[in-house]
C-alpha cells in the first residue's frame, strides 16, 4: 500500500469515527430520562473522543485523491475495528463508575470491546450474565449498537455524512452490500433506513401488543429486526414463556433476514412478491426443513411433541436468520441438534438483509451448481449448458463465474470456521464438547449470538479476542479482511 493509498483510507476513516459520536449524543437523553446522571460524563467523553479521532484522521488528509474499491475494502476492514473500539468506551467508562463484577464486567476493556464488536456486527454474544440489572442507558446502548450495526455503520455514514473524494459506491460494496433499490447508492441507503425504521416501530408495537412491556418491546424490536439478538433478560425470550411473543419474534426475525430490496418491492406491489423471490422461498423452506429435523431430534430424546415443535421452530429461525434470540437450553440438546443449528447459522439469511452467514443465495447457487455441473459432464463436448436459478436462466460463462465466486467465499468461510474451532478448543477449560465449540464459533462467525455457555465474562482474554475476530470477518464476509492483511503483508 502506497502512502497515497494510506492518505485516502485515513481520510475516509475520519468520516466514519464521528458516527459513534453522533450515537453517543443521541443516547444522552436516555440517561437523563432515567436519572442515570453518572452516565452523562462517559457518553459525552465518548462523543468528544469520536469527533476528535475523526478530525485527527480527516484534516491532514482531506485533499487526498478519489477512493476506489480497494480503498473501500480497507476502510471497511479497519473501520469496523475503529468503531467497535470507540463503541466500547461507554461500557468501560460507565462500569468504572459502578461496582465492577459479574453485573458490570466491562471494567475489563477486553469484555467491553467484545460487547461492542458483538453489537456492531449484529452478533449478540454477550459478556453480561444479568442484562436486566444493567443501567437503562447501557441496555439502550447495546440495542442501539446492534440496530445501527444491523444495517451497517458505513451505510449510516453514507446516509448522514459524505465527504469530498469519498467513493460512495466503493464503500457501499465494501460493506458486503450489492442490492440497489434506486440507481443512486445514497437514495438506496436512505430508502433502506426508512424501511428499517418503519419495521422497527411496527415490531415494537407488535411485541407490546403480545404482552411485552414498552421498554423491553423497544429494545427487542431493535435487536430483532436487526437480527442482532441482544436481550434484556438472562433467559432471552424464554423469560416471557409466551407463545404469542415467540410467534411475533419469529415474524420479526424472518423480516430482518429478507432482502430490503424485496421489502421495498412488496410495499409497492403486494405481499405476493415475497413468494416470487428466490431467496425468500429458500429461506422459508430451509426454516421449515430445519424445524422438522430439530423438532424430530428433540422428540427422539424425550421432549414432548408441543415443546419439540415450539422450541425447534424458534431456535431454527433464530439460527437461520442469525438473530440469536433463545427460548431453550441448547447446551442440554444432543450434538446432532447442535450441528443442525450450526448448519443453519453457516447458511444465514438473504443477501441484502441484516443477517449474516454465507447467505441463502450463495447456498442455493452451490446446490444448483452441483446438478448443473453433473449435467455439463454428461453433455456433448463444447455444448453450452445454461443454469436455471429460480426464474433466471444463466448462460454457461455467467453460471461458471457466479459458482466460482460462491465457492471461493464458502471455502474461505469454512476455512476460518475450522481455524476458529481449532484455536478455541485449546483456549477453553474442559467440559465443552467439540460440537459445543463448533456451535460457538459458527455462532460468532455467522453473527448469530446463540450460545451453549462458552461465552461468559470469565472466559480467557484470548478466547474473547478470537471470537471478536470471527465476528469481525463474518460481518465483513472475509474479503475486506484479506485485503487488509494483504496490504500489510505485501506492501512495498
Protein backbone atom coordinates (compact mmCIF):
# COMPACT_ATOMS: atom_id res chain seq x y z
CA UNK A 1 0.00 0.00 0.00
CA UNK A 2 1.46 3.33 -1.04
CA UNK A 3 1.41 6.49 1.07
CA UNK A 4 -1.24 7.98 -1.25
CA UNK A 5 -3.44 4.94 -0.60
CA UNK A 6 -2.93 5.35 3.14
CA UNK A 7 -3.96 9.02 2.94
CA UNK A 8 -7.24 8.08 1.24
CA UNK A 9 -8.02 5.35 3.76
CA UNK A 10 -7.26 7.58 6.77
CA UNK A 11 -9.38 10.41 5.35
CA UNK A 12 -12.41 8.15 4.92
CA UNK A 13 -11.90 6.67 8.39
CA UNK A 14 -12.08 10.26 9.59
CA UNK A 15 -15.63 10.41 8.24
CA UNK A 16 -16.55 7.13 9.92
CA UNK A 17 -15.42 7.80 13.51
CA UNK A 18 -17.97 10.61 14.18
CA UNK A 19 -20.84 8.15 13.65
CA UNK A 20 -20.12 6.77 17.14
CA UNK A 21 -20.05 10.34 18.48
CA UNK A 22 -23.47 11.05 16.99
CA UNK A 23 -24.80 7.82 18.53
CA UNK A 24 -23.40 8.81 21.93
CA UNK A 25 -25.07 12.25 21.78
CA UNK A 26 -28.38 10.65 20.77
CA UNK A 27 -28.08 8.38 23.84
CA UNK A 28 -27.67 11.22 26.36
CA UNK A 29 -31.46 11.83 26.69
CA UNK A 30 -31.90 8.17 27.72
CA UNK A 31 -29.59 8.72 30.70
CA UNK A 32 -31.43 11.93 31.57
CA UNK A 33 -34.92 10.40 31.34
CA UNK A 34 -33.98 7.55 33.67
CA UNK A 35 -31.98 9.76 36.04
CA UNK A 36 -28.70 7.97 35.40
CA UNK A 37 -26.60 11.11 35.76
CA UNK A 38 -23.35 9.20 36.27
CA UNK A 39 -23.56 8.08 32.62
CA UNK A 40 -23.61 11.60 31.15
CA UNK A 41 -19.85 12.06 31.50
CA UNK A 42 -18.89 8.74 29.87
CA UNK A 43 -21.22 9.29 26.91
CA UNK A 44 -20.13 12.92 26.47
CA UNK A 45 -16.49 11.81 26.60
CA UNK A 46 -17.22 9.10 24.02
CA UNK A 47 -18.69 11.73 21.71
CA UNK A 48 -15.70 14.03 22.23
CA UNK A 49 -13.17 11.25 21.58
CA UNK A 50 -15.05 10.08 18.47
CA UNK A 51 -15.23 13.56 16.95
CA UNK A 52 -11.63 14.19 17.95
CA UNK A 53 -10.42 10.99 16.26
CA UNK A 54 -12.44 11.90 13.18
CA UNK A 55 -10.86 15.35 12.92
CA UNK A 56 -7.38 13.95 13.64
CA UNK A 57 -7.72 11.49 10.74
CA UNK A 58 -9.57 13.73 8.30
CA UNK A 59 -7.97 17.16 8.47
CA UNK A 60 -4.38 16.24 7.47
CA UNK A 61 -5.59 14.16 4.50
CA UNK A 62 -8.72 16.00 3.37
CA UNK A 63 -7.16 16.66 -0.04
CA UNK A 64 -6.31 13.00 -0.68
CA UNK A 65 -7.35 11.50 -4.01
CA UNK A 66 -10.53 9.75 -5.12
CA UNK A 67 -11.25 6.49 -3.31
CA UNK A 68 -11.54 3.24 -5.26
CA UNK A 69 -12.84 -0.21 -4.33
CA UNK A 70 -9.50 -1.33 -2.82
CA UNK A 71 -9.62 1.70 -0.51
CA UNK A 72 -13.23 0.97 0.38
CA UNK A 73 -12.35 -2.59 1.38
CA UNK A 74 -9.59 -1.35 3.68
CA UNK A 75 -11.85 1.33 5.19
CA UNK A 76 -14.47 -1.34 5.88
CA UNK A 77 -11.95 -3.70 7.49
CA UNK A 78 -10.26 -1.11 9.70
CA UNK A 79 -13.39 0.97 10.20
CA UNK A 80 -15.35 -1.76 11.94
CA UNK A 81 -12.50 -2.24 14.42
CA UNK A 82 -12.23 1.52 14.98
CA UNK A 83 -15.96 1.90 15.53
CA UNK A 84 -16.02 -1.09 17.88
CA UNK A 85 -13.15 0.34 19.94
CA UNK A 86 -14.91 3.71 20.24
CA UNK A 87 -18.23 1.97 20.94
CA UNK A 88 -16.62 0.11 23.84
CA UNK A 89 -15.95 3.37 25.70
CA UNK A 90 -19.47 3.80 27.18
CA UNK A 91 -19.43 0.22 28.50
CA UNK A 92 -15.97 0.67 30.00
CA UNK A 93 -16.36 4.20 31.39
CA UNK A 94 -19.80 3.59 32.94
CA UNK A 95 -18.58 0.33 34.52
CA UNK A 96 -15.70 2.21 36.18
CA UNK A 97 -18.25 4.43 37.94
CA UNK A 98 -20.23 1.45 39.25
CA UNK A 99 -19.24 -1.71 41.13
CA UNK A 100 -17.19 -3.94 38.80
CA UNK A 101 -18.08 -7.61 38.89
CA UNK A 102 -20.48 -10.09 37.38
CA UNK A 103 -23.18 -7.50 36.66
CA UNK A 104 -20.75 -4.92 35.26
CA UNK A 105 -17.95 -6.95 33.62
CA UNK A 106 -16.92 -4.07 31.37
CA UNK A 107 -14.25 -2.74 33.73
CA UNK A 108 -12.20 -5.28 31.79
CA UNK A 109 -11.72 -3.44 28.47
CA UNK A 110 -11.49 -6.76 26.60
CA UNK A 111 -15.03 -7.52 27.76
CA UNK A 112 -16.21 -4.03 26.79
CA UNK A 113 -14.60 -4.39 23.36
CA UNK A 114 -16.20 -7.85 22.96
CA UNK A 115 -19.66 -6.43 23.73
CA UNK A 116 -19.13 -3.58 21.27
CA UNK A 117 -17.91 -5.87 18.49
CA UNK A 118 -20.84 -8.19 19.15
CA UNK A 119 -23.23 -5.25 18.98
CA UNK A 120 -21.94 -3.54 15.86
CA UNK A 121 -21.54 -6.83 13.97
CA UNK A 122 -25.10 -7.79 14.93
CA UNK A 123 -23.94 -10.96 16.67
CA UNK A 124 -25.50 -10.86 20.12
CA UNK A 125 -22.99 -12.96 22.08
CA UNK A 126 -22.64 -11.15 25.38
CA UNK A 127 -20.38 -10.76 28.38
CA UNK A 128 -23.36 -9.82 30.57
CA UNK A 129 -24.91 -12.55 32.71
CA UNK A 130 -27.62 -10.25 34.12
CA UNK A 131 -28.60 -7.73 31.42
CA UNK A 132 -31.76 -6.97 33.40
CA UNK A 133 -29.60 -5.33 36.09
CA UNK A 134 -27.68 -3.07 33.72
CA UNK A 135 -28.40 0.68 33.77
CA UNK A 136 -31.11 1.56 31.26
CA UNK A 137 -28.65 3.63 29.24
CA UNK A 138 -26.35 0.60 28.77
CA UNK A 139 -29.33 -1.57 27.87
CA UNK A 140 -30.14 1.06 25.25
CA UNK A 141 -26.52 1.30 24.06
CA UNK A 142 -26.34 -2.47 23.50
CA UNK A 143 -29.56 -2.37 21.46
CA UNK A 144 -28.54 0.81 19.62
CA UNK A 145 -25.20 -0.63 18.50
CA UNK A 146 -26.99 -3.70 17.12
CA UNK A 147 -29.65 -1.59 15.43
CA UNK A 148 -27.06 0.56 13.68
CA UNK A 149 -24.72 -2.37 13.03
CA UNK A 150 -27.50 -4.46 11.51
CA UNK A 151 -27.94 -2.03 8.65
CA UNK A 152 -24.24 -1.12 8.70
CA UNK A 153 -22.12 1.64 10.22
CA UNK A 154 -20.80 2.63 6.80
CA UNK A 155 -24.33 2.65 5.42
CA UNK A 156 -25.31 5.07 8.21
CA UNK A 157 -22.29 7.23 7.41
CA UNK A 158 -23.33 7.34 3.75
CA UNK A 159 -26.81 8.38 4.88
CA UNK A 160 -25.68 11.19 7.19
CA UNK A 161 -22.29 12.44 6.00
CA UNK A 162 -20.50 12.01 2.69
CA UNK A 163 -17.23 13.87 2.31
CA UNK A 164 -15.49 15.14 -0.83
CA UNK A 165 -13.38 12.47 -2.54
CA UNK A 166 -15.28 9.66 -0.81
CA UNK A 167 -16.45 6.98 -3.22
CA UNK A 168 -19.98 6.16 -2.12
CA UNK A 169 -20.22 3.13 -4.40
CA UNK A 170 -16.87 1.68 -3.25
CA UNK A 171 -17.75 1.96 0.44
CA UNK A 172 -21.23 0.55 -0.12
CA UNK A 173 -19.93 -2.54 -1.90
CA UNK A 174 -17.04 -2.89 0.56
CA UNK A 175 -19.53 -3.41 3.39
CA UNK A 176 -20.84 -6.55 1.64
CA UNK A 177 -23.81 -4.70 0.12
CA UNK A 178 -24.76 -5.24 -3.51
CA UNK A 179 -28.51 -4.61 -3.73
CA UNK A 180 -29.87 -1.47 -5.34
CA UNK A 181 -33.36 -0.08 -4.75
CA UNK A 182 -32.64 3.09 -6.73
CA UNK A 183 -29.90 3.86 -9.29
CA UNK A 184 -28.23 6.14 -6.72
CA UNK A 185 -26.48 4.46 -3.78
CA UNK A 186 -27.31 7.37 -1.45
CA UNK A 187 -31.01 7.14 -2.39
CA UNK A 188 -30.85 3.37 -1.87
CA UNK A 189 -29.41 3.58 1.65
CA UNK A 190 -31.86 6.29 2.67
CA UNK A 191 -34.79 4.19 1.48
CA UNK A 192 -33.37 1.16 3.32
CA UNK A 193 -33.13 3.17 6.54
CA UNK A 194 -36.70 4.39 6.09
CA UNK A 195 -37.98 0.80 5.71
CA UNK A 196 -35.78 -0.36 8.59
CA UNK A 197 -37.11 2.33 10.93
CA UNK A 198 -40.72 1.65 9.92
CA UNK A 199 -40.30 -2.07 10.58
CA UNK A 200 -38.66 -1.35 13.95
CA UNK A 201 -41.66 0.69 15.06
CA UNK A 202 -44.07 -1.96 13.79
CA UNK A 203 -42.09 -4.66 15.63
CA UNK A 204 -42.20 -2.66 18.86
CA UNK A 205 -45.98 -2.23 18.63
CA UNK A 206 -46.44 -5.95 17.85
CA UNK A 207 -44.30 -7.08 20.81
CA UNK A 208 -46.06 -4.62 23.10
CA UNK A 209 -49.42 -5.93 21.90
CA UNK A 210 -48.27 -9.51 22.55
CA UNK A 211 -47.63 -8.68 26.20
CA UNK A 212 -44.09 -7.31 26.41
CA UNK A 213 -43.57 -4.11 28.49
CA UNK A 214 -42.89 -0.98 26.35
CA UNK A 215 -39.19 -0.53 27.24
CA UNK A 216 -38.46 -4.18 26.62
CA UNK A 217 -40.54 -4.13 23.42
CA UNK A 218 -38.47 -1.21 22.10
CA UNK A 219 -35.15 -2.91 22.80
CA UNK A 220 -36.17 -6.32 21.48
CA UNK A 221 -37.71 -4.73 18.38
CA UNK A 222 -34.37 -3.01 17.66
CA UNK A 223 -32.31 -6.16 18.20
CA UNK A 224 -34.86 -8.41 16.47
CA UNK A 225 -35.31 -6.56 13.19
CA UNK A 226 -31.53 -6.04 13.02
CA UNK A 227 -31.12 -9.82 13.58
CA UNK A 228 -28.78 -8.96 16.44
CA UNK A 229 -30.26 -10.83 19.39
CA UNK A 230 -29.23 -8.87 22.49
CA UNK A 231 -31.94 -9.42 25.11
CA UNK A 232 -32.78 -7.73 28.40
CA UNK A 233 -33.09 -10.98 30.35
CA UNK A 234 -30.57 -13.76 31.07
CA UNK A 235 -33.02 -16.31 29.62
CA UNK A 236 -33.52 -14.20 26.49
CA UNK A 237 -37.06 -14.57 25.06
CA UNK A 238 -37.58 -17.70 27.21
CA UNK A 239 -38.11 -15.28 30.12
CA UNK A 240 -41.63 -14.49 28.89
CA UNK A 241 -42.70 -18.12 28.27
CA UNK A 242 -45.28 -16.69 25.86
CA UNK A 243 -46.29 -18.39 22.58
CA UNK A 244 -47.65 -15.04 21.35
CA UNK A 245 -44.36 -13.20 21.94
CA UNK A 246 -42.41 -16.07 20.37
CA UNK A 247 -44.66 -16.04 17.28
CA UNK A 248 -44.22 -12.28 16.86
CA UNK A 249 -40.46 -12.63 17.36
CA UNK A 250 -40.30 -15.30 14.63
CA UNK A 251 -42.01 -12.95 12.17
CA UNK A 252 -39.66 -10.10 13.14
CA UNK A 253 -36.56 -12.29 12.72
CA UNK A 254 -37.71 -13.51 9.30
CA UNK A 255 -38.47 -9.93 8.22
CA UNK A 256 -34.94 -8.87 9.18
CA UNK A 257 -33.44 -11.78 7.21
CA UNK A 258 -35.26 -10.91 3.95
CA UNK A 259 -33.62 -8.53 1.49
CA UNK A 260 -34.73 -4.93 1.94
CA UNK A 261 -34.98 -4.62 -1.83
CA UNK A 262 -37.68 -7.33 -1.68
CA UNK A 263 -39.43 -5.48 1.16
CA UNK A 264 -39.45 -2.34 -0.98
CA UNK A 265 -40.96 -4.17 -3.97
CA UNK A 266 -43.52 -5.84 -1.68
CA UNK A 267 -44.61 -2.41 -0.41
CA UNK A 268 -45.18 -1.35 -4.00
CA UNK A 269 -46.72 -4.49 -5.49
CA UNK A 270 -48.08 -6.57 -2.60
CA UNK A 271 -47.01 -9.43 -0.33
CA UNK A 272 -47.00 -11.92 -3.21
CA UNK A 273 -43.55 -10.59 -4.11
CA UNK A 274 -42.09 -12.50 -1.15
CA UNK A 275 -43.00 -15.87 -2.64
CA UNK A 276 -41.75 -14.86 -6.09
CA UNK A 277 -38.31 -14.06 -4.69
CA UNK A 278 -35.88 -16.97 -4.85
CA UNK A 279 -34.01 -16.14 -1.64
CA UNK A 280 -37.20 -15.70 0.39
CA UNK A 281 -38.60 -19.02 -0.84
CA UNK A 282 -35.37 -20.84 0.05
CA UNK A 283 -35.24 -19.10 3.44
CA UNK A 284 -38.76 -20.23 4.32
CA UNK A 285 -38.18 -23.76 3.01
CA UNK A 286 -34.92 -24.09 4.95
CA UNK A 287 -36.66 -22.82 8.11
CA UNK A 288 -39.42 -25.41 7.64
CA UNK A 289 -36.96 -28.24 6.93
CA UNK A 290 -34.75 -27.28 9.88
CA UNK A 291 -37.76 -27.12 12.20
CA UNK A 292 -38.84 -30.63 11.19
CA UNK A 293 -35.33 -32.06 11.68
CA UNK A 294 -34.60 -30.34 15.01
CA UNK A 295 -38.10 -31.00 16.40
CA UNK A 296 -37.74 -34.63 15.37
CA UNK A 297 -34.36 -34.88 17.10
CA UNK A 298 -35.79 -33.36 20.29
CA UNK A 299 -38.76 -35.70 20.10
CA UNK A 300 -36.39 -38.68 19.94
CA UNK A 301 -34.58 -37.54 23.07
CA UNK A 302 -37.83 -37.46 25.06
CA UNK A 303 -39.16 -33.89 24.74
CA UNK A 304 -42.93 -33.67 24.25
CA UNK A 305 -44.39 -33.04 20.76
CA UNK A 306 -45.57 -29.49 21.53
CA UNK A 307 -42.31 -28.43 23.20
CA UNK A 308 -40.24 -30.08 20.45
CA UNK A 309 -42.06 -28.15 17.73
CA UNK A 310 -42.18 -24.87 19.65
CA UNK A 311 -38.53 -24.90 20.72
CA UNK A 312 -37.33 -26.33 17.40
CA UNK A 313 -39.12 -23.73 15.29
CA UNK A 314 -37.89 -20.79 17.36
CA UNK A 315 -34.26 -21.90 17.60
CA UNK A 316 -34.05 -22.84 13.90
CA UNK A 317 -35.46 -19.47 12.79
CA UNK A 318 -33.17 -17.68 15.24
CA UNK A 319 -30.13 -19.58 13.89
CA UNK A 320 -31.02 -19.31 10.19
CA UNK A 321 -31.82 -15.59 10.41
CA UNK A 322 -28.66 -15.09 12.50
CA UNK A 323 -30.60 -13.34 15.26
CA UNK A 324 -29.67 -15.21 18.42
CA UNK A 325 -32.85 -14.93 20.48
CA UNK A 326 -33.15 -18.08 22.57
CA UNK A 327 -36.01 -19.98 24.22
CA UNK A 328 -34.32 -23.29 25.08
CA UNK A 329 -31.24 -24.54 26.96
CA UNK A 330 -29.29 -25.51 23.83
CA UNK A 331 -26.33 -26.88 25.80
CA UNK A 332 -28.60 -29.68 27.01
CA UNK A 333 -29.55 -30.62 23.45
CA UNK A 334 -27.96 -33.52 21.59
CA UNK A 335 -24.84 -32.99 19.47
CA UNK A 336 -26.96 -33.74 16.37
CA UNK A 337 -29.38 -30.90 17.18
CA UNK A 338 -26.45 -28.54 17.83
CA UNK A 339 -24.85 -29.43 14.49
CA UNK A 340 -28.18 -28.88 12.69
CA UNK A 341 -28.37 -25.39 14.22
CA UNK A 342 -24.70 -24.81 13.35
CA UNK A 343 -25.50 -25.62 9.71
CA UNK A 344 -28.36 -23.11 9.77
CA UNK A 345 -26.01 -20.46 11.22
CA UNK A 346 -23.47 -21.10 8.46
CA UNK A 347 -26.12 -20.68 5.73
CA UNK A 348 -27.64 -17.50 7.18
CA UNK A 349 -30.26 -15.18 5.71
CA UNK A 350 -30.75 -13.41 2.41
CA UNK A 351 -28.22 -11.16 0.74
CA UNK A 352 -29.32 -7.55 1.20
CA UNK A 353 -30.74 -8.24 4.67
CA UNK A 354 -29.31 -7.67 8.14
CA UNK A 355 -28.47 -11.39 8.56
CA UNK A 356 -25.02 -13.00 8.46
CA UNK A 357 -23.76 -16.36 7.23
CA UNK A 358 -22.69 -17.22 3.70
CA UNK A 359 -26.20 -16.14 2.58
CA UNK A 360 -29.11 -18.12 1.16
CA UNK A 361 -28.39 -17.01 -2.42
CA UNK A 362 -24.88 -18.48 -2.35
CA UNK A 363 -26.15 -21.68 -0.75
CA UNK A 364 -28.86 -22.02 -3.41
CA UNK A 365 -26.27 -21.34 -6.11
CA UNK A 366 -23.97 -24.05 -4.74
CA UNK A 367 -26.81 -26.57 -4.53
CA UNK A 368 -27.98 -25.81 -8.06
CA UNK A 369 -24.35 -25.82 -9.20
CA UNK A 370 -23.97 -29.49 -8.31
CA UNK A 371 -26.75 -30.61 -10.68
CA UNK A 372 -25.57 -28.11 -13.31
CA UNK A 373 -22.04 -29.47 -13.16
CA UNK A 374 -23.26 -33.06 -13.47
CA UNK A 375 -25.37 -32.05 -16.46
CA UNK A 376 -22.32 -30.48 -18.10
CA UNK A 377 -20.31 -33.67 -17.58
CA UNK A 378 -22.81 -35.83 -19.46
CA UNK A 379 -23.42 -33.22 -22.20
CA UNK A 380 -21.58 -33.42 -25.55
CA UNK A 381 -18.17 -31.70 -25.57
CA UNK A 382 -18.37 -27.98 -26.23
CA UNK A 383 -22.12 -27.83 -25.51
CA UNK A 384 -23.33 -24.72 -23.69
CA UNK A 385 -25.46 -25.70 -20.71
CA UNK A 386 -27.35 -22.83 -19.05
CA UNK A 387 -28.15 -23.00 -15.34
CA UNK A 388 -31.63 -22.18 -14.06
CA UNK A 389 -31.66 -20.23 -10.80
CA UNK A 390 -35.26 -19.55 -9.92
CA UNK A 391 -36.78 -17.73 -12.88
CA UNK A 392 -33.34 -16.64 -14.09
CA UNK A 393 -31.55 -18.59 -16.83
CA UNK A 394 -27.79 -18.08 -16.52
CA UNK A 395 -25.60 -18.58 -19.62
CA UNK A 396 -22.73 -21.04 -19.25
CA UNK A 397 -19.95 -18.43 -18.64
CA UNK A 398 -22.07 -16.40 -16.20
CA UNK A 399 -23.07 -19.54 -14.29
CA UNK A 400 -19.42 -20.61 -14.01
CA UNK A 401 -18.38 -17.15 -12.79
CA UNK A 402 -21.07 -16.95 -10.10
CA UNK A 403 -20.43 -20.50 -8.96
CA UNK A 404 -16.71 -19.79 -8.68
CA UNK A 405 -17.31 -16.68 -6.56
CA UNK A 406 -19.73 -18.52 -4.26
CA UNK A 407 -17.37 -21.49 -3.93
CA UNK A 408 -14.36 -19.31 -3.04
CA UNK A 409 -16.28 -17.43 -0.35
CA UNK A 410 -17.80 -20.63 1.07
CA UNK A 411 -14.32 -22.24 1.16
CA UNK A 412 -12.84 -19.23 2.97
CA UNK A 413 -15.79 -19.11 5.36
CA UNK A 414 -15.46 -22.77 6.29
CA UNK A 415 -11.67 -22.46 6.47
CA UNK A 416 -11.83 -19.66 9.04
CA UNK A 417 -14.52 -21.61 10.90
CA UNK A 418 -12.18 -24.60 11.12
CA UNK A 419 -9.28 -22.43 12.34
CA UNK A 420 -11.51 -20.80 14.92
CA UNK A 421 -12.66 -24.16 16.25
CA UNK A 422 -9.07 -25.43 16.34
CA UNK A 423 -7.78 -22.47 18.34
CA UNK A 424 -10.78 -22.06 20.66
CA UNK A 425 -10.73 -25.74 21.61
CA UNK A 426 -7.23 -25.16 23.09
CA UNK A 427 -8.21 -21.98 24.96
CA UNK A 428 -11.21 -23.33 26.86
CA UNK A 429 -11.29 -25.33 30.08
CA UNK A 430 -12.52 -28.90 29.96
CA UNK A 431 -16.24 -29.59 29.95
CA UNK A 432 -17.21 -28.47 26.45
CA UNK A 433 -17.58 -30.97 23.62
CA UNK A 434 -16.35 -30.48 20.05
CA UNK A 435 -19.97 -29.88 18.99
CA UNK A 436 -20.14 -27.07 21.60
CA UNK A 437 -17.00 -25.41 20.23
CA UNK A 438 -18.18 -25.71 16.62
CA UNK A 439 -21.53 -24.24 17.65
CA UNK A 440 -19.99 -21.24 19.45
CA UNK A 441 -17.56 -20.37 16.64
CA UNK A 442 -20.29 -20.79 14.00
CA UNK A 443 -22.49 -18.51 16.10
CA UNK A 444 -19.75 -15.85 16.29
CA UNK A 445 -18.70 -16.02 12.64
CA UNK A 446 -22.31 -16.23 11.44
CA UNK A 447 -23.10 -13.16 13.59
CA UNK A 448 -25.85 -15.11 15.32
CA UNK A 449 -25.45 -14.96 19.09
CA UNK A 450 -26.87 -18.31 20.19
CA UNK A 451 -24.64 -19.81 22.87
CA UNK A 452 -24.04 -23.11 24.65
CA UNK A 453 -22.46 -21.29 27.60
CA UNK A 454 -18.91 -20.82 26.31
CA UNK A 455 -19.22 -17.04 26.02
CA UNK A 456 -19.08 -15.55 29.51
CA UNK A 457 -17.12 -12.85 31.41
CA UNK A 458 -14.69 -15.37 32.92
CA UNK A 459 -13.55 -16.84 29.60
CA UNK A 460 -9.85 -16.28 28.80
CA UNK A 461 -8.95 -12.99 27.13
CA UNK A 462 -7.50 -14.91 24.17
CA UNK A 463 -10.85 -16.64 23.65
CA UNK A 464 -12.67 -13.29 23.79
CA UNK A 465 -10.38 -11.80 21.14
CA UNK A 466 -10.63 -14.91 18.97
CA UNK A 467 -14.43 -14.72 18.90
CA UNK A 468 -14.13 -10.97 18.20
CA UNK A 469 -12.03 -11.90 15.17
CA UNK A 470 -14.64 -14.41 13.99
CA UNK A 471 -17.43 -11.85 14.44
CA UNK A 472 -15.41 -9.28 12.52
CA UNK A 473 -14.61 -11.45 9.50
CA UNK A 474 -18.14 -12.84 9.47
CA UNK A 475 -19.71 -9.37 9.29
CA UNK A 476 -17.37 -8.26 6.51
CA UNK A 477 -17.67 -11.56 4.59
CA UNK A 478 -13.89 -12.12 4.78
CA UNK A 479 -12.74 -10.40 1.55
CA UNK A 480 -12.13 -6.92 3.10
CA UNK A 481 -10.18 -8.60 5.92
CA UNK A 482 -7.97 -10.45 3.43
CA UNK A 483 -7.39 -7.17 1.58
CA UNK A 484 -6.37 -5.57 4.88
CA UNK A 485 -3.91 -8.40 5.62
CA UNK A 486 -2.57 -8.34 2.06
CA UNK A 487 -1.99 -4.58 2.16
CA UNK A 488 0.29 -5.07 5.17
CA UNK A 489 1.91 -8.38 4.36
CA UNK A 490 2.80 -7.44 0.79
CA UNK A 491 3.27 -3.68 0.96
CA UNK A 492 6.18 -2.33 -0.97
